[in-house]
Protein backbone atom coordinates (compact mmCIF):
# COMPACT_ATOMS: atom_id res chain seq x y z
CA MET A 1 12.67 241.21 43.87
CA LEU A 2 11.30 243.52 46.52
CA GLU A 3 7.68 244.58 46.48
CA SER A 4 6.99 248.13 47.54
CA ALA A 5 4.41 248.48 50.25
CA VAL A 6 1.92 251.03 49.03
CA SER A 7 -0.60 251.97 51.65
CA PRO A 8 -4.17 252.42 50.46
CA PRO A 9 -5.49 255.97 50.14
CA THR A 10 -7.15 257.56 53.13
CA MET A 11 -10.53 259.13 52.48
CA LEU A 12 -12.31 261.74 54.60
CA VAL A 13 -16.10 261.39 54.48
CA VAL A 14 -17.92 264.62 55.41
CA ASP A 15 -21.63 264.11 56.03
CA ASP A 16 -24.05 265.28 58.71
CA ASP A 17 -25.97 261.99 58.41
CA ALA A 18 -23.94 259.73 60.71
CA VAL A 19 -25.64 256.51 59.55
CA PHE A 20 -24.95 257.25 55.88
CA ALA A 21 -21.38 258.34 56.62
CA GLY A 22 -20.79 255.08 58.51
CA ARG A 23 -22.06 253.08 55.53
CA LEU A 24 -19.74 254.97 53.20
CA VAL A 25 -16.77 254.35 55.49
CA ARG A 26 -17.52 250.61 55.70
CA GLY A 27 -17.96 250.41 51.92
CA LEU A 28 -14.67 252.19 51.28
CA GLU A 29 -12.86 249.98 53.75
CA LYS A 30 -14.26 246.85 52.08
CA ARG A 31 -12.70 248.15 48.86
CA GLY A 32 -9.28 248.56 50.46
CA CYS A 33 -9.28 252.23 51.45
CA HIS A 34 -8.75 253.68 54.86
CA ALA A 35 -11.63 256.02 55.71
CA GLU A 36 -12.63 258.40 58.47
CA ALA A 37 -15.94 260.23 58.88
CA VAL A 38 -16.66 263.65 60.32
CA GLY A 39 -20.05 265.25 60.87
CA GLY A 40 -19.79 268.69 59.32
CA VAL A 41 -17.87 271.42 57.57
CA GLU A 42 -16.15 272.85 60.63
CA GLU A 43 -15.06 269.42 61.88
CA ALA A 44 -13.71 268.61 58.40
CA ARG A 45 -11.82 271.90 58.28
CA CYS A 46 -10.20 271.21 61.67
CA THR A 47 -9.35 267.63 60.70
CA LEU A 48 -7.75 268.70 57.42
CA LEU A 49 -5.80 271.53 59.05
CA ALA A 50 -4.48 269.15 61.71
CA SER A 51 -3.36 266.50 59.20
CA PRO A 52 -3.33 267.99 55.69
CA ALA A 53 -1.19 265.26 54.11
CA LEU A 54 -3.15 262.34 55.59
CA PHE A 55 -6.16 262.42 53.26
CA ALA A 56 -5.88 261.54 49.57
CA ARG A 57 -9.52 262.33 48.85
CA VAL A 58 -12.51 264.00 50.51
CA LEU A 59 -16.10 262.89 49.89
CA LEU A 60 -18.49 265.74 50.66
CA ASP A 61 -22.19 265.99 51.29
CA LEU A 62 -23.27 268.98 49.23
CA ARG A 63 -26.05 270.06 51.60
CA MET A 64 -25.21 270.30 55.28
CA GLN A 65 -26.54 272.47 58.06
CA ASP A 66 -23.21 274.16 58.76
CA GLY A 67 -22.23 274.77 55.15
CA THR A 68 -22.04 273.19 51.74
CA GLY A 69 -19.52 270.78 50.29
């Protein structure tokens, strides 16, 4: 019987607080997810446009200096 290799979901963390975003990324990775952090709305937009199929979920800070989640 062959087991299918299912890769864990990749999460994009969008938060202008780099320390908090880093903690979220580490926590997600401990739970088996791949995670990447960006520091704002514009950076998230560029990241998602460059690789739209890469991210299964996006975690957004609702209050950021360059826009809202």
